[in-house]
Amino acid sequence: MNARHLLAATAVLATGIAAAQFALAQTTTQDKSGAPGMSKSDANRLIAIAQANLAEVAAGKMASEKSNNPDVKAFAQMMVDDHSKGLEETKKVAAAKNVTLPAEPDAAHKKMAAHLGTLSGPAFDKEYVSKAGVADHIKVHAALKDDIANAHDADVKALASKLEPTVAHHEEMAKKLNSAMK
């Protein structure tokens, strides 16, 4: 093999290695069999779904304890129940895909919880329903629709499809509750 052929072969090999490294960099997980798992964007979608569930459970627990309004308490308990189920479903998919999920709400939701902790009575109820109820559910509902449309991993897509109707229902209930409180 002459130098020109050796150089060409080396270039082809280097290109192949670079392509393999790029493909590997796009995959952040392995499934339980050790096969390559989901893309980083789909792993991030799964983490976001978990984060939304964590935040709703935490805020719902706070509202169940702090609120004196029976409608707010009922809504909060539904958030705890439904989002706890959603979190368990998310954990199952994450375990199968070897994705590590957060164990607590993110900084923005911790800040909201700290603010809610300073409120009481009707002021607490209004803030909880408008922020954790309406605003968060609008945001999460839109994210789930995006996950359904754009996730590449079939399990992430299926999880988003399963959770979307519940979140849509929560959004609608939160809007009605919010309107009734004004």
C-alpha atoms as a PDB file:
ATOM      1  CA  MET A   1       0.000   0.000   0.000  1.00  0.00           C
ATOM      2  CA  ASN A   2       1.507   3.327  -0.970  1.00  0.00           C
ATOM      3  CA  ALA A   3       1.404   6.479   1.151  1.00  0.00           C
ATOM      4  CA  ARG A   4      -1.521   7.976  -0.763  1.00  0.00           C
ATOM      5  CA  HIS A   5      -3.683   4.869  -0.224  1.00  0.00           C
ATOM      6  CA  LEU A   6      -2.662   4.724   3.434  1.00  0.00           C
ATOM      7  CA  LEU A   7      -3.589   8.383   3.886  1.00  0.00           C
ATOM      8  CA  ALA A   8      -6.962   7.829   2.167  1.00  0.00           C
ATOM      9  CA  ALA A   9      -7.682   4.760   4.293  1.00  0.00           C
ATOM     10  CA  THR A  10      -6.771   6.688   7.434  1.00  0.00           C
ATOM     11  CA  ALA A  11      -9.102   9.530   6.414  1.00  0.00           C
ATOM     12  CA  VAL A  12     -11.961   7.085   5.809  1.00  0.00           C
ATOM     13  CA  LEU A  13     -11.327   5.429   9.178  1.00  0.00           C
ATOM     14  CA  ALA A  14     -11.163   8.803  10.959  1.00  0.00           C
ATOM     15  CA  THR A  15     -14.439   9.871   9.310  1.00  0.00           C
ATOM     16  CA  GLY A  16     -16.095   6.640  10.417  1.00  0.00           C
ATOM     17  CA  ILE A  17     -14.828   7.061  13.978  1.00  0.00           C
ATOM     18  CA  ALA A  18     -16.034  10.668  14.068  1.00  0.00           C
ATOM     19  CA  ALA A  19     -19.469   9.617  12.808  1.00  0.00           C
ATOM     20  CA  ALA A  20     -19.665   6.873  15.445  1.00  0.00           C
ATOM     21  CA  GLN A  21     -18.617   9.312  18.194  1.00  0.00           C
ATOM     22  CA  PHE A  22     -21.264  11.791  17.029  1.00  0.00           C
ATOM     23  CA  ALA A  23     -23.936   9.101  17.076  1.00  0.00           C
ATOM     24  CA  LEU A  24     -22.817   7.960  20.527  1.00  0.00           C
ATOM     25  CA  ALA A  25     -22.887  11.542  21.812  1.00  0.00           C
ATOM     26  CA  GLN A  26     -26.500  11.823  20.670  1.00  0.00           C
ATOM     27  CA  THR A  27     -27.415   8.802  22.817  1.00  0.00           C
ATOM     28  CA  THR A  28     -27.323   9.380  26.545  1.00  0.00           C
ATOM     29  CA  THR A  29     -28.742   6.144  27.861  1.00  0.00           C
ATOM     30  CA  GLN A  30     -28.710   2.427  27.401  1.00  0.00           C
ATOM     31  CA  ASP A  31     -31.672   0.185  27.895  1.00  0.00           C
ATOM     32  CA  LYS A  32     -31.505  -2.719  30.338  1.00  0.00           C
ATOM     33  CA  SER A  33     -30.019  -4.990  27.685  1.00  0.00           C
ATOM     34  CA  GLY A  34     -27.118  -2.570  27.235  1.00  0.00           C
ATOM     35  CA  ALA A  35     -28.288  -1.485  23.802  1.00  0.00           C
ATOM     36  CA  PRO A  36     -28.161   2.219  22.997  1.00  0.00           C
ATOM     37  CA  GLY A  37     -31.131   4.041  24.485  1.00  0.00           C
ATOM     38  CA  MET A  38     -32.926   7.264  23.838  1.00  0.00           C
ATOM     39  CA  SER A  39     -31.625  10.565  22.563  1.00  0.00           C
ATOM     40  CA  LYS A  40     -30.633  13.333  24.938  1.00  0.00           C
ATOM     41  CA  SER A  41     -33.691  15.341  23.903  1.00  0.00           C
ATOM     42  CA  ASP A  42     -36.034  12.450  24.727  1.00  0.00           C
ATOM     43  CA  ALA A  43     -34.252  11.870  28.052  1.00  0.00           C
ATOM     44  CA  ASN A  44     -34.759  15.564  28.800  1.00  0.00           C
ATOM     45  CA  ARG A  45     -38.451  15.217  27.914  1.00  0.00           C
ATOM     46  CA  LEU A  46     -38.734  12.372  30.419  1.00  0.00           C
ATOM     47  CA  ILE A  47     -36.956  14.432  33.077  1.00  0.00           C
ATOM     48  CA  ALA A  48     -39.316  17.370  32.415  1.00  0.00           C
ATOM     49  CA  ILE A  49     -42.357  15.112  32.800  1.00  0.00           C
ATOM     50  CA  ALA A  50     -40.995  13.875  36.129  1.00  0.00           C
ATOM     51  CA  GLN A  51     -40.253  17.426  37.231  1.00  0.00           C
ATOM     52  CA  ALA A  52     -43.800  18.556  36.457  1.00  0.00           C
ATOM     53  CA  ASN A  53     -45.235  15.670  38.460  1.00  0.00           C
ATOM     54  CA  LEU A  54     -42.903  16.335  41.402  1.00  0.00           C
ATOM     55  CA  ALA A  55     -43.865  20.007  41.472  1.00  0.00           C
ATOM     56  CA  GLU A  56     -47.607  19.296  41.385  1.00  0.00           C
ATOM     57  CA  VAL A  57     -47.373  16.705  44.155  1.00  0.00           C
ATOM     58  CA  ALA A  58     -45.372  19.064  46.378  1.00  0.00           C
ATOM     59  CA  ALA A  59     -47.663  22.048  45.749  1.00  0.00           C
ATOM     60  CA  GLY A  60     -50.769  19.883  46.167  1.00  0.00           C
ATOM     61  CA  LYS A  61     -49.554  18.595  49.521  1.00  0.00           C
ATOM     62  CA  MET A  62     -48.922  22.138  50.690  1.00  0.00           C
ATOM     63  CA  ALA A  63     -52.378  23.252  49.555  1.00  0.00           C
ATOM     64  CA  SER A  64     -54.029  20.257  51.223  1.00  0.00           C
ATOM     65  CA  GLU A  65     -52.469  21.338  54.510  1.00  0.00           C
ATOM     66  CA  LYS A  66     -52.770  25.142  54.245  1.00  0.00           C
ATOM     67  CA  SER A  67     -56.078  25.773  52.516  1.00  0.00           C
ATOM     68  CA  ASN A  68     -59.382  26.082  54.331  1.00  0.00           C
ATOM     69  CA  ASN A  69     -61.344  26.200  51.068  1.00  0.00           C
ATOM     70  CA  PRO A  70     -62.945  22.783  50.421  1.00  0.00           C
ATOM     71  CA  ASP A  71     -62.790  23.233  46.634  1.00  0.00           C
ATOM     72  CA  VAL A  72     -59.094  24.091  46.760  1.00  0.00           C
ATOM     73  CA  LYS A  73     -58.426  21.182  49.115  1.00  0.00           C
ATOM     74  CA  ALA A  74     -60.261  18.783  46.779  1.00  0.00           C
ATOM     75  CA  PHE A  75     -58.340  20.096  43.764  1.00  0.00           C
ATOM     76  CA  ALA A  76     -55.057  19.827  45.667  1.00  0.00           C
ATOM     77  CA  GLN A  77     -55.766  16.242  46.697  1.00  0.00           C
ATOM     78  CA  MET A  78     -56.574  15.357  43.097  1.00  0.00           C
ATOM     79  CA  MET A  79     -53.204  16.879  42.099  1.00  0.00           C
ATOM     80  CA  VAL A  80     -51.396  14.757  44.691  1.00  0.00           C
ATOM     81  CA  ASP A  81     -53.205  11.570  43.653  1.00  0.00           C
ATOM     82  CA  ASP A  82     -53.036  11.993  39.877  1.00  0.00           C
ATOM     83  CA  HIS A  83     -49.507  13.383  39.704  1.00  0.00           C
ATOM     84  CA  SER A  84     -48.201  10.711  42.099  1.00  0.00           C
ATOM     85  CA  LYS A  85     -49.549   8.133  39.625  1.00  0.00           C
ATOM     86  CA  GLY A  86     -47.990  10.075  36.745  1.00  0.00           C
ATOM     87  CA  LEU A  87     -44.658  10.165  38.547  1.00  0.00           C
ATOM     88  CA  GLU A  88     -44.748   6.395  39.114  1.00  0.00           C
ATOM     89  CA  GLU A  89     -45.447   5.828  35.415  1.00  0.00           C
ATOM     90  CA  THR A  90     -42.573   8.160  34.540  1.00  0.00           C
ATOM     91  CA  LYS A  91     -40.237   6.324  36.913  1.00  0.00           C
ATOM     92  CA  LYS A  92     -41.053   3.009  35.196  1.00  0.00           C
ATOM     93  CA  VAL A  93     -40.139   4.388  31.769  1.00  0.00           C
ATOM     94  CA  ALA A  94     -37.013   6.060  33.158  1.00  0.00           C
ATOM     95  CA  ALA A  95     -35.866   2.840  34.833  1.00  0.00           C
ATOM     96  CA  ALA A  96     -36.298   0.912  31.599  1.00  0.00           C
ATOM     97  CA  LYS A  97     -34.346   3.578  29.707  1.00  0.00           C
ATOM     98  CA  ASN A  98     -31.689   4.047  32.400  1.00  0.00           C
ATOM     99  CA  VAL A  99     -32.536   7.741  32.830  1.00  0.00           C
ATOM    100  CA  THR A 100     -31.930   9.315  36.238  1.00  0.00           C
ATOM    101  CA  LEU A 101     -34.852  11.476  37.314  1.00  0.00           C
ATOM    102  CA  PRO A 102     -34.814  14.384  39.765  1.00  0.00           C
ATOM    103  CA  ALA A 103     -35.843  13.614  43.335  1.00  0.00           C
ATOM    104  CA  GLU A 104     -37.250  17.037  44.173  1.00  0.00           C
ATOM    105  CA  PRO A 105     -38.847  20.043  42.473  1.00  0.00           C
ATOM    106  CA  ASP A 106     -36.620  22.370  40.471  1.00  0.00           C
ATOM    107  CA  ALA A 107     -35.450  25.793  41.666  1.00  0.00           C
ATOM    108  CA  ALA A 108     -38.388  27.664  40.112  1.00  0.00           C
ATOM    109  CA  HIS A 109     -40.935  25.459  41.883  1.00  0.00           C
ATOM    110  CA  LYS A 110     -39.005  25.637  45.173  1.00  0.00           C
ATOM    111  CA  LYS A 111     -39.173  29.416  44.870  1.00  0.00           C
ATOM    112  CA  MET A 112     -42.924  29.236  44.215  1.00  0.00           C
ATOM    113  CA  ALA A 113     -43.336  26.938  47.238  1.00  0.00           C
ATOM    114  CA  ALA A 114     -41.386  29.365  49.426  1.00  0.00           C
ATOM    115  CA  HIS A 115     -43.645  32.195  48.264  1.00  0.00           C
ATOM    116  CA  LEU A 116     -46.793  30.130  48.835  1.00  0.00           C
ATOM    117  CA  GLY A 117     -45.486  29.315  52.305  1.00  0.00           C
ATOM    118  CA  THR A 118     -45.653  32.997  53.219  1.00  0.00           C
ATOM    119  CA  LEU A 119     -49.340  33.247  52.303  1.00  0.00           C
ATOM    120  CA  SER A 120     -52.482  32.087  54.048  1.00  0.00           C
ATOM    121  CA  GLY A 121     -56.239  32.108  53.615  1.00  0.00           C
ATOM    122  CA  PRO A 122     -57.767  33.372  50.380  1.00  0.00           C
ATOM    123  CA  ALA A 123     -54.434  34.910  49.278  1.00  0.00           C
ATOM    124  CA  PHE A 124     -52.818  31.468  49.439  1.00  0.00           C
ATOM    125  CA  ASP A 125     -55.738  29.830  47.625  1.00  0.00           C
ATOM    126  CA  LYS A 126     -55.705  32.358  44.781  1.00  0.00           C
ATOM    127  CA  GLU A 127     -51.940  32.138  44.311  1.00  0.00           C
ATOM    128  CA  TYR A 128     -51.894  28.332  44.457  1.00  0.00           C
ATOM    129  CA  VAL A 129     -54.745  27.952  41.974  1.00  0.00           C
ATOM    130  CA  SER A 130     -53.426  30.578  39.546  1.00  0.00           C
ATOM    131  CA  LYS A 131     -49.778  29.432  39.615  1.00  0.00           C
ATOM    132  CA  ALA A 132     -49.672  25.692  40.377  1.00  0.00           C
ATOM    133  CA  GLY A 133     -53.145  25.161  38.982  1.00  0.00           C
ATOM    134  CA  VAL A 134     -53.611  27.259  35.865  1.00  0.00           C
ATOM    135  CA  ALA A 135     -50.150  28.489  34.813  1.00  0.00           C
ATOM    136  CA  ASP A 136     -48.270  25.253  35.430  1.00  0.00           C
ATOM    137  CA  HIS A 137     -50.925  23.103  33.767  1.00  0.00           C
ATOM    138  CA  ILE A 138     -51.020  25.318  30.679  1.00  0.00           C
ATOM    139  CA  LYS A 139     -47.244  24.980  30.405  1.00  0.00           C
ATOM    140  CA  VAL A 140     -47.187  21.219  31.053  1.00  0.00           C
ATOM    141  CA  HIS A 141     -50.113  20.565  28.713  1.00  0.00           C
ATOM    142  CA  ALA A 142     -48.295  22.357  25.885  1.00  0.00           C
ATOM    143  CA  ALA A 143     -45.087  20.423  26.662  1.00  0.00           C
ATOM    144  CA  LEU A 144     -46.914  17.085  26.591  1.00  0.00           C
ATOM    145  CA  LYS A 145     -48.465  17.930  23.217  1.00  0.00           C
ATOM    146  CA  ASP A 146     -44.971  18.758  21.975  1.00  0.00           C
ATOM    147  CA  ASP A 147     -43.675  15.455  23.387  1.00  0.00           C
ATOM    148  CA  ILE A 148     -46.433  13.552  21.603  1.00  0.00           C
ATOM    149  CA  ALA A 149     -45.612  15.264  18.320  1.00  0.00           C
ATOM    150  CA  ASN A 150     -41.820  15.335  18.529  1.00  0.00           C
ATOM    151  CA  ALA A 151     -40.430  12.636  20.824  1.00  0.00           C
ATOM    152  CA  HIS A 152     -38.548   9.938  18.951  1.00  0.00           C
ATOM    153  CA  ASP A 153     -38.720   7.313  21.682  1.00  0.00           C
ATOM    154  CA  ALA A 154     -41.969   5.335  21.484  1.00  0.00           C
ATOM    155  CA  ASP A 155     -42.172   4.919  25.269  1.00  0.00           C
ATOM    156  CA  VAL A 156     -41.795   8.655  25.924  1.00  0.00           C
ATOM    157  CA  LYS A 157     -44.423   9.351  23.272  1.00  0.00           C
ATOM    158  CA  ALA A 158     -46.763   6.770  24.844  1.00  0.00           C
ATOM    159  CA  LEU A 159     -46.219   8.200  28.335  1.00  0.00           C
ATOM    160  CA  ALA A 160     -46.973  11.731  27.134  1.00  0.00           C
ATOM    161  CA  SER A 161     -50.077  10.459  25.324  1.00  0.00           C
ATOM    162  CA  LYS A 162     -51.270   8.710  28.473  1.00  0.00           C
ATOM    163  CA  LEU A 163     -50.713  11.744  30.736  1.00  0.00           C
ATOM    164  CA  GLU A 164     -52.006  14.451  28.371  1.00  0.00           C
ATOM    165  CA  PRO A 165     -55.764  13.918  28.936  1.00  0.00           C
ATOM    166  CA  THR A 166     -55.305  14.084  32.721  1.00  0.00           C
ATOM    167  CA  VAL A 167     -53.288  17.289  32.500  1.00  0.00           C
ATOM    168  CA  ALA A 168     -55.865  18.779  30.093  1.00  0.00           C
ATOM    169  CA  HIS A 169     -58.584  17.946  32.637  1.00  0.00           C
ATOM    170  CA  HIS A 170     -56.543  19.520  35.453  1.00  0.00           C
ATOM    171  CA  GLU A 171     -56.002  22.647  33.365  1.00  0.00           C
ATOM    172  CA  GLU A 172     -59.729  22.999  32.732  1.00  0.00           C
ATOM    173  CA  MET A 173     -60.622  22.411  36.391  1.00  0.00           C
ATOM    174  CA  ALA A 174     -57.969  24.889  37.553  1.00  0.00           C
ATOM    175  CA  LYS A 175     -59.328  27.547  35.190  1.00  0.00           C
ATOM    176  CA  LYS A 176     -62.881  27.031  36.507  1.00  0.00           C
ATOM    177  CA  LEU A 177     -61.691  27.114  40.105  1.00  0.00           C
ATOM    178  CA  ASN A 178     -59.617  30.214  39.431  1.00  0.00           C
ATOM    179  CA  SER A 179     -62.623  31.985  37.850  1.00  0.00           C
ATOM    180  CA  ALA A 180     -64.836  31.068  40.788  1.00  0.00           C
ATOM    181  CA  MET A 181     -62.338  32.592  43.226  1.00  0.00           C
ATOM    182  CA  LYS A 182     -62.238  36.062  41.650  1.00  0.00           C
END
